[in-house]
Amino acid sequence: MPLITVKLKWGKQEFDVPLDTSDTVVAFKTAVRGLTGVPLERQKLMAKGAWPATLKDEAVLATMDIKEGHAVMLMGTADAV
């Protein structure tokens, strides 16, 4: 299970997110929720050249062209605190 780190950009914030490429998209989205508070159903994740426009939650990250240090942009609003 190769572990890589991607750069998650959300608004003006940036996070380093470790990814286990044997995990599914929903596991990645869960980690993103932990960092940002954006619920899974409100997350739109974009990474140029890494995956098609729509991510399926059950898709395995290893099947995508995501690499160490890849920039991933998150669109979505967090729950009210």
PDB file of N, CA and C in Angstrom:
ATOM      1  N   MET A   1       0.825  -1.182   0.000  1.00  0.00           N
ATOM      2  CA  MET A   1       0.000   0.000   0.000  1.00  0.00           C
ATOM      3  C   MET A   1       0.872   1.248   0.000  1.00  0.00           C
ATOM      4  N   PRO A   2       1.124   1.769  -1.179  1.00  0.00           N
ATOM      5  CA  PRO A   2       1.968   2.962  -1.279  1.00  0.00           C
ATOM      6  C   PRO A   2       1.288   4.183  -0.665  1.00  0.00           C
ATOM      7  N   LEU A   3       2.061   4.909   0.108  1.00  0.00           N
ATOM      8  CA  LEU A   3       1.568   6.116   0.753  1.00  0.00           C
ATOM      9  C   LEU A   3       2.184   7.321   0.044  1.00  0.00           C
ATOM     10  N   ILE A   4       1.320   8.265  -0.352  1.00  0.00           N
ATOM     11  CA  ILE A   4       1.785   9.500  -0.974  1.00  0.00           C
ATOM     12  C   ILE A   4       1.157  10.670  -0.235  1.00  0.00           C
ATOM     13  N   THR A   5       1.667  11.864  -0.466  1.00  0.00           N
ATOM     14  CA  THR A   5       1.097  13.072   0.127  1.00  0.00           C
ATOM     15  C   THR A   5       0.696  14.013  -0.995  1.00  0.00           C
ATOM     16  N   VAL A   6      -0.545  14.523  -0.917  1.00  0.00           N
ATOM     17  CA  VAL A   6      -1.024  15.491  -1.910  1.00  0.00           C
ATOM     18  C   VAL A   6      -1.255  16.825  -1.211  1.00  0.00           C
ATOM     19  N   LYS A   7      -1.265  17.893  -1.994  1.00  0.00           N
ATOM     20  CA  LYS A   7      -1.530  19.243  -1.487  1.00  0.00           C
ATOM     21  C   LYS A   7      -3.002  19.548  -1.723  1.00  0.00           C
ATOM     22  N   LEU A   8      -3.757  19.711  -0.663  1.00  0.00           N
ATOM     23  CA  LEU A   8      -5.176  20.045  -0.767  1.00  0.00           C
ATOM     24  C   LEU A   8      -5.332  21.547  -0.595  1.00  0.00           C
ATOM     25  N   LYS A   9      -5.947  22.192  -1.568  1.00  0.00           N
ATOM     26  CA  LYS A   9      -6.201  23.628  -1.496  1.00  0.00           C
ATOM     27  C   LYS A   9      -7.698  23.839  -1.339  1.00  0.00           C
ATOM     28  N   TRP A  10      -8.048  24.636  -0.341  1.00  0.00           N
ATOM     29  CA  TRP A  10      -9.457  24.949  -0.068  1.00  0.00           C
ATOM     30  C   TRP A  10      -9.528  26.416   0.322  1.00  0.00           C
ATOM     31  N   GLY A  11     -10.058  27.221  -0.572  1.00  0.00           N
ATOM     32  CA  GLY A  11     -10.071  28.659  -0.336  1.00  0.00           C
ATOM     33  C   GLY A  11      -8.650  29.166  -0.220  1.00  0.00           C
ATOM     34  N   LYS A  12      -8.333  29.816   0.897  1.00  0.00           N
ATOM     35  CA  LYS A  12      -6.977  30.326   1.102  1.00  0.00           C
ATOM     36  C   LYS A  12      -6.130  29.372   1.933  1.00  0.00           C
ATOM     37  N   GLN A  13      -6.702  28.240   2.303  1.00  0.00           N
ATOM     38  CA  GLN A  13      -5.975  27.278   3.130  1.00  0.00           C
ATOM     39  C   GLN A  13      -5.352  26.191   2.270  1.00  0.00           C
ATOM     40  N   GLU A  14      -4.252  25.624   2.778  1.00  0.00           N
ATOM     41  CA  GLU A  14      -3.585  24.524   2.097  1.00  0.00           C
ATOM     42  C   GLU A  14      -3.202  23.478   3.138  1.00  0.00           C
ATOM     43  N   PHE A  15      -3.442  22.215   2.800  1.00  0.00           N
ATOM     44  CA  PHE A  15      -3.160  21.110   3.712  1.00  0.00           C
ATOM     45  C   PHE A  15      -2.330  20.057   2.983  1.00  0.00           C
ATOM     46  N   ASP A  16      -1.430  19.398   3.700  1.00  0.00           N
ATOM     47  CA  ASP A  16      -0.753  18.209   3.192  1.00  0.00           C
ATOM     48  C   ASP A  16      -1.569  17.011   3.667  1.00  0.00           C
ATOM     49  N   VAL A  17      -2.062  16.219   2.713  1.00  0.00           N
ATOM     50  CA  VAL A  17      -2.925  15.090   3.052  1.00  0.00           C
ATOM     51  C   VAL A  17      -2.239  13.786   2.646  1.00  0.00           C
ATOM     52  N   PRO A  18      -1.945  12.914   3.626  1.00  0.00           N
ATOM     53  CA  PRO A  18      -1.380  11.616   3.271  1.00  0.00           C
ATOM     54  C   PRO A  18      -2.471  10.721   2.685  1.00  0.00           C
ATOM     55  N   LEU A  19      -2.124  10.006   1.621  1.00  0.00           N
ATOM     56  CA  LEU A  19      -3.074   9.115   0.961  1.00  0.00           C
ATOM     57  C   LEU A  19      -2.494   7.723   0.863  1.00  0.00           C
ATOM     58  N   ASP A  20      -3.293   6.750   1.191  1.00  0.00           N
ATOM     59  CA  ASP A  20      -2.951   5.365   0.908  1.00  0.00           C
ATOM     60  C   ASP A  20      -3.633   5.056  -0.417  1.00  0.00           C
ATOM     61  N   THR A  21      -2.871   4.829  -1.469  1.00  0.00           N
ATOM     62  CA  THR A  21      -3.459   4.675  -2.797  1.00  0.00           C
ATOM     63  C   THR A  21      -4.295   3.404  -2.934  1.00  0.00           C
ATOM     64  N   SER A  22      -4.223   2.507  -1.951  1.00  0.00           N
ATOM     65  CA  SER A  22      -5.088   1.321  -2.005  1.00  0.00           C
ATOM     66  C   SER A  22      -6.472   1.609  -1.430  1.00  0.00           C
ATOM     67  N   ASP A  23      -6.659   2.813  -0.865  1.00  0.00           N
ATOM     68  CA  ASP A  23      -7.961   3.224  -0.320  1.00  0.00           C
ATOM     69  C   ASP A  23      -8.916   3.673  -1.429  1.00  0.00           C
ATOM     70  N   THR A  24     -10.177   3.836  -1.045  1.00  0.00           N
ATOM     71  CA  THR A  24     -11.191   4.318  -1.976  1.00  0.00           C
ATOM     72  C   THR A  24     -11.316   5.841  -1.872  1.00  0.00           C
ATOM     73  N   VAL A  25     -12.033   6.407  -2.809  1.00  0.00           N
ATOM     74  CA  VAL A  25     -12.279   7.851  -2.822  1.00  0.00           C
ATOM     75  C   VAL A  25     -12.995   8.280  -1.546  1.00  0.00           C
ATOM     76  N   VAL A  26     -13.922   7.470  -1.054  1.00  0.00           N
ATOM     77  CA  VAL A  26     -14.665   7.851   0.153  1.00  0.00           C
ATOM     78  C   VAL A  26     -13.723   7.953   1.363  1.00  0.00           C
ATOM     79  N   ALA A  27     -12.669   7.153   1.419  1.00  0.00           N
ATOM     80  CA  ALA A  27     -11.689   7.263   2.507  1.00  0.00           C
ATOM     81  C   ALA A  27     -10.939   8.596   2.411  1.00  0.00           C
ATOM     82  N   PHE A  28     -10.606   9.003   1.190  1.00  0.00           N
ATOM     83  CA  PHE A  28      -9.950  10.302   0.975  1.00  0.00           C
ATOM     84  C   PHE A  28     -10.891  11.431   1.379  1.00  0.00           C
ATOM     85  N   LYS A  29     -12.152  11.349   0.960  1.00  0.00           N
ATOM     86  CA  LYS A  29     -13.130  12.382   1.306  1.00  0.00           C
ATOM     87  C   LYS A  29     -13.332  12.470   2.824  1.00  0.00           C
ATOM     88  N   THR A  30     -13.276  11.340   3.509  1.00  0.00           N
ATOM     89  CA  THR A  30     -13.427  11.326   4.959  1.00  0.00           C
ATOM     90  C   THR A  30     -12.254  12.056   5.614  1.00  0.00           C
ATOM     91  N   ALA A  31     -11.039  11.841   5.099  1.00  0.00           N
ATOM     92  CA  ALA A  31      -9.869  12.548   5.619  1.00  0.00           C
ATOM     93  C   ALA A  31     -10.001  14.052   5.367  1.00  0.00           C
ATOM     94  N   VAL A  32     -10.514  14.422   4.190  1.00  0.00           N
ATOM     95  CA  VAL A  32     -10.719  15.828   3.852  1.00  0.00           C
ATOM     96  C   VAL A  32     -11.736  16.455   4.799  1.00  0.00           C
ATOM     97  N   ARG A  33     -12.798  15.725   5.118  1.00  0.00           N
ATOM     98  CA  ARG A  33     -13.804  16.247   6.065  1.00  0.00           C
ATOM     99  C   ARG A  33     -13.167  16.510   7.427  1.00  0.00           C
ATOM    100  N   GLY A  34     -12.281  15.614   7.857  1.00  0.00           N
ATOM    101  CA  GLY A  34     -11.603  15.797   9.137  1.00  0.00           C
ATOM    102  C   GLY A  34     -10.766  17.066   9.184  1.00  0.00           C
ATOM    103  N   LEU A  35     -10.192  17.444   8.059  1.00  0.00           N
ATOM    104  CA  LEU A  35      -9.355  18.647   7.998  1.00  0.00           C
ATOM    105  C   LEU A  35     -10.162  19.924   7.809  1.00  0.00           C
ATOM    106  N   THR A  36     -11.239  19.843   7.027  1.00  0.00           N
ATOM    107  CA  THR A  36     -11.944  21.059   6.610  1.00  0.00           C
ATOM    108  C   THR A  36     -13.339  21.223   7.193  1.00  0.00           C
ATOM    109  N   GLY A  37     -13.972  20.137   7.602  1.00  0.00           N
ATOM    110  CA  GLY A  37     -15.351  20.203   8.071  1.00  0.00           C
ATOM    111  C   GLY A  37     -16.371  20.192   6.947  1.00  0.00           C
ATOM    112  N   VAL A  38     -15.927  20.007   5.696  1.00  0.00           N
ATOM    113  CA  VAL A  38     -16.847  19.970   4.555  1.00  0.00           C
ATOM    114  C   VAL A  38     -17.421  18.557   4.454  1.00  0.00           C
ATOM    115  N   PRO A  39     -18.750  18.394   4.553  1.00  0.00           N
ATOM    116  CA  PRO A  39     -19.365  17.068   4.468  1.00  0.00           C
ATOM    117  C   PRO A  39     -19.092  16.403   3.111  1.00  0.00           C
ATOM    118  N   LEU A  40     -19.035  15.084   3.109  1.00  0.00           N
ATOM    119  CA  LEU A  40     -18.730  14.323   1.897  1.00  0.00           C
ATOM    120  C   LEU A  40     -19.634  14.692   0.735  1.00  0.00           C
ATOM    121  N   GLU A  41     -20.918  14.867   1.010  1.00  0.00           N
ATOM    122  CA  GLU A  41     -21.869  15.137  -0.072  1.00  0.00           C
ATOM    123  C   GLU A  41     -21.701  16.537  -0.676  1.00  0.00           C
ATOM    124  N   ARG A  42     -20.979  17.427   0.020  1.00  0.00           N
ATOM    125  CA  ARG A  42     -20.742  18.781  -0.502  1.00  0.00           C
ATOM    126  C   ARG A  42     -19.360  18.937  -1.132  1.00  0.00           C
ATOM    127  N   GLN A  43     -18.553  17.887  -1.108  1.00  0.00           N
ATOM    128  CA  GLN A  43     -17.193  17.989  -1.618  1.00  0.00           C
ATOM    129  C   GLN A  43     -17.138  17.778  -3.125  1.00  0.00           C
ATOM    130  N   LYS A  44     -16.454  18.682  -3.789  1.00  0.00           N
ATOM    131  CA  LYS A  44     -16.102  18.497  -5.198  1.00  0.00           C
ATOM    132  C   LYS A  44     -14.587  18.619  -5.251  1.00  0.00           C
ATOM    133  N   LEU A  45     -13.936  17.515  -5.569  1.00  0.00           N
ATOM    134  CA  LEU A  45     -12.485  17.463  -5.601  1.00  0.00           C
ATOM    135  C   LEU A  45     -11.998  17.471  -7.036  1.00  0.00           C
ATOM    136  N   MET A  46     -11.063  18.353  -7.333  1.00  0.00           N
ATOM    137  CA  MET A  46     -10.526  18.460  -8.689  1.00  0.00           C
ATOM    138  C   MET A  46      -9.011  18.348  -8.637  1.00  0.00           C
ATOM    139  N   ALA A  47      -8.465  17.556  -9.555  1.00  0.00           N
ATOM    140  CA  ALA A  47      -7.011  17.409  -9.670  1.00  0.00           C
ATOM    141  C   ALA A  47      -6.687  17.247 -11.148  1.00  0.00           C
ATOM    142  N   LYS A  48      -6.063  18.248 -11.711  1.00  0.00           N
ATOM    143  CA  LYS A  48      -5.788  18.269 -13.138  1.00  0.00           C
ATOM    144  C   LYS A  48      -5.022  17.016 -13.576  1.00  0.00           C
ATOM    145  N   GLY A  49      -5.623  16.271 -14.491  1.00  0.00           N
ATOM    146  CA  GLY A  49      -4.987  15.097 -15.060  1.00  0.00           C
ATOM    147  C   GLY A  49      -5.024  13.840 -14.209  1.00  0.00           C
ATOM    148  N   ALA A  50      -5.532  13.923 -12.980  1.00  0.00           N
ATOM    149  CA  ALA A  50      -5.505  12.752 -12.097  1.00  0.00           C
ATOM    150  C   ALA A  50      -6.746  11.874 -12.232  1.00  0.00           C
ATOM    151  N   TRP A  51      -7.897  12.483 -12.472  1.00  0.00           N
ATOM    152  CA  TRP A  51      -9.129  11.706 -12.598  1.00  0.00           C
ATOM    153  C   TRP A  51     -10.134  12.451 -13.454  1.00  0.00           C
ATOM    154  N   PRO A  52     -11.176  11.720 -13.918  1.00  0.00           N
ATOM    155  CA  PRO A  52     -12.231  12.382 -14.689  1.00  0.00           C
ATOM    156  C   PRO A  52     -13.001  13.358 -13.806  1.00  0.00           C
ATOM    157  N   ALA A  53     -13.861  14.135 -14.408  1.00  0.00           N
ATOM    158  CA  ALA A  53     -14.592  15.188 -13.694  1.00  0.00           C
ATOM    159  C   ALA A  53     -15.365  14.670 -12.485  1.00  0.00           C
ATOM    160  N   THR A  54     -15.976  13.505 -12.587  1.00  0.00           N
ATOM    161  CA  THR A  54     -16.789  12.979 -11.500  1.00  0.00           C
ATOM    162  C   THR A  54     -16.098  11.783 -10.839  1.00  0.00           C
ATOM    163  N   LEU A  55     -15.910  11.868  -9.537  1.00  0.00           N
ATOM    164  CA  LEU A  55     -15.304  10.772  -8.784  1.00  0.00           C
ATOM    165  C   LEU A  55     -16.391   9.871  -8.220  1.00  0.00           C
ATOM    166  N   LYS A  56     -16.233   8.583  -8.386  1.00  0.00           N
ATOM    167  CA  LYS A  56     -17.141   7.609  -7.771  1.00  0.00           C
ATOM    168  C   LYS A  56     -16.568   7.248  -6.400  1.00  0.00           C
ATOM    169  N   ASP A  57     -17.398   7.272  -5.361  1.00  0.00           N
ATOM    170  CA  ASP A  57     -16.928   7.019  -4.002  1.00  0.00           C
ATOM    171  C   ASP A  57     -16.246   5.664  -3.851  1.00  0.00           C
ATOM    172  N   GLU A  58     -16.687   4.665  -4.614  1.00  0.00           N
ATOM    173  CA  GLU A  58     -16.132   3.315  -4.474  1.00  0.00           C
ATOM    174  C   GLU A  58     -14.863   3.101  -5.302  1.00  0.00           C
ATOM    175  N   ALA A  59     -14.464   4.086  -6.104  1.00  0.00           N
ATOM    176  CA  ALA A  59     -13.261   3.962  -6.936  1.00  0.00           C
ATOM    177  C   ALA A  59     -12.011   3.904  -6.052  1.00  0.00           C
ATOM    178  N   VAL A  60     -11.034   3.105  -6.483  1.00  0.00           N
ATOM    179  CA  VAL A  60      -9.772   2.959  -5.751  1.00  0.00           C
ATOM    180  C   VAL A  60      -8.774   3.995  -6.292  1.00  0.00           C
ATOM    181  N   LEU A  61      -8.108   4.692  -5.393  1.00  0.00           N
ATOM    182  CA  LEU A  61      -7.188   5.760  -5.779  1.00  0.00           C
ATOM    183  C   LEU A  61      -6.038   5.260  -6.662  1.00  0.00           C
ATOM    184  N   ALA A  62      -5.631   4.002  -6.493  1.00  0.00           N
ATOM    185  CA  ALA A  62      -4.530   3.447  -7.284  1.00  0.00           C
ATOM    186  C   ALA A  62      -4.872   3.373  -8.771  1.00  0.00           C
ATOM    187  N   THR A  63      -6.166   3.384  -9.116  1.00  0.00           N
ATOM    188  CA  THR A  63      -6.571   3.320 -10.526  1.00  0.00           C
ATOM    189  C   THR A  63      -6.502   4.691 -11.194  1.00  0.00           C
ATOM    190  N   MET A  64      -6.172   5.714 -10.434  1.00  0.00           N
ATOM    191  CA  MET A  64      -6.109   7.072 -10.961  1.00  0.00           C
ATOM    192  C   MET A  64      -4.662   7.505 -11.133  1.00  0.00           C
ATOM    193  N   ASP A  65      -4.462   8.566 -11.861  1.00  0.00           N
ATOM    194  CA  ASP A  65      -3.113   9.043 -12.151  1.00  0.00           C
ATOM    195  C   ASP A  65      -2.690  10.118 -11.155  1.00  0.00           C
ATOM    196  N   ILE A  66      -2.814   9.807  -9.869  1.00  0.00           N
ATOM    197  CA  ILE A  66      -2.446  10.773  -8.829  1.00  0.00           C
ATOM    198  C   ILE A  66      -1.052  10.425  -8.310  1.00  0.00           C
ATOM    199  N   LYS A  67      -0.225  11.444  -8.153  1.00  0.00           N
ATOM    200  CA  LYS A  67       1.171  11.238  -7.787  1.00  0.00           C
ATOM    201  C   LYS A  67       1.546  12.084  -6.564  1.00  0.00           C
ATOM    202  N   GLU A  68       2.700  11.785  -5.998  1.00  0.00           N
ATOM    203  CA  GLU A  68       3.232  12.520  -4.854  1.00  0.00           C
ATOM    204  C   GLU A  68       3.241  14.026  -5.148  1.00  0.00           C
ATOM    205  N   GLY A  69       2.703  14.821  -4.230  1.00  0.00           N
ATOM    206  CA  GLY A  69       2.714  16.270  -4.349  1.00  0.00           C
ATOM    207  C   GLY A  69       1.657  16.850  -5.272  1.00  0.00           C
ATOM    208  N   HIS A  70       0.784  16.011  -5.831  1.00  0.00           N
ATOM    209  CA  HIS A  70      -0.269  16.484  -6.744  1.00  0.00           C
ATOM    210  C   HIS A  70      -1.135  17.528  -6.031  1.00  0.00           C
ATOM    211  N   ALA A  71      -1.534  18.555  -6.744  1.00  0.00           N
ATOM    212  CA  ALA A  71      -2.413  19.588  -6.188  1.00  0.00           C
ATOM    213  C   ALA A  71      -3.869  19.169  -6.399  1.00  0.00           C
ATOM    214  N   VAL A  72      -4.619  19.138  -5.312  1.00  0.00           N
ATOM    215  CA  VAL A  72      -6.037  18.801  -5.347  1.00  0.00           C
ATOM    216  C   VAL A  72      -6.802  19.997  -4.825  1.00  0.00           C
ATOM    217  N   MET A  73      -7.797  20.463  -5.590  1.00  0.00           N
ATOM    218  CA  MET A  73      -8.597  21.609  -5.164  1.00  0.00           C
ATOM    219  C   MET A  73      -9.942  21.106  -4.651  1.00  0.00           C
ATOM    220  N   LEU A  74     -10.356  21.646  -3.513  1.00  0.00           N
ATOM    221  CA  LEU A  74     -11.651  21.309  -2.919  1.00  0.00           C
ATOM    222  C   LEU A  74     -12.601  22.472  -3.071  1.00  0.00           C
ATOM    223  N   MET A  75     -13.763  22.182  -3.602  1.00  0.00           N
ATOM    224  CA  MET A  75     -14.864  23.142  -3.652  1.00  0.00           C
ATOM    225  C   MET A  75     -15.944  22.608  -2.725  1.00  0.00           C
ATOM    226  N   GLY A  76     -16.446  23.449  -1.846  1.00  0.00           N
ATOM    227  CA  GLY A  76     -17.504  23.025  -0.929  1.00  0.00           C
ATOM    228  C   GLY A  76     -17.485  23.879   0.319  1.00  0.00           C
ATOM    229  N   THR A  77     -18.623  23.946   0.997  1.00  0.00           N
ATOM    230  CA  THR A  77     -18.727  24.743   2.212  1.00  0.00           C
ATOM    231  C   THR A  77     -18.819  23.834   3.428  1.00  0.00           C
ATOM    232  N   ALA A  78     -18.165  24.256   4.492  1.00  0.00           N
ATOM    233  CA  ALA A  78     -18.145  23.485   5.740  1.00  0.00           C
ATOM    234  C   ALA A  78     -19.455  23.663   6.493  1.00  0.00           C
ATOM    235  N   ASP A  79     -19.703  22.710   7.390  1.00  0.00           N
ATOM    236  CA  ASP A  79     -20.839  22.838   8.305  1.00  0.00           C
ATOM    237  C   ASP A  79     -20.605  24.047   9.211  1.00  0.00           C
ATOM    238  N   ALA A  80     -21.678  24.663   9.659  1.00  0.00           N
ATOM    239  CA  ALA A  80     -21.570  25.788  10.600  1.00  0.00           C
ATOM    240  C   ALA A  80     -20.982  25.268  11.904  1.00  0.00           C
ATOM    241  N   VAL A  81     -20.104  26.052  12.510  1.00  0.00           N
ATOM    242  CA  VAL A  81     -19.457  25.631  13.759  1.00  0.00           C
ATOM    243  C   VAL A  81     -20.255  26.124  14.940  1.00  0.00           C
TER     244      VAL A  81
END
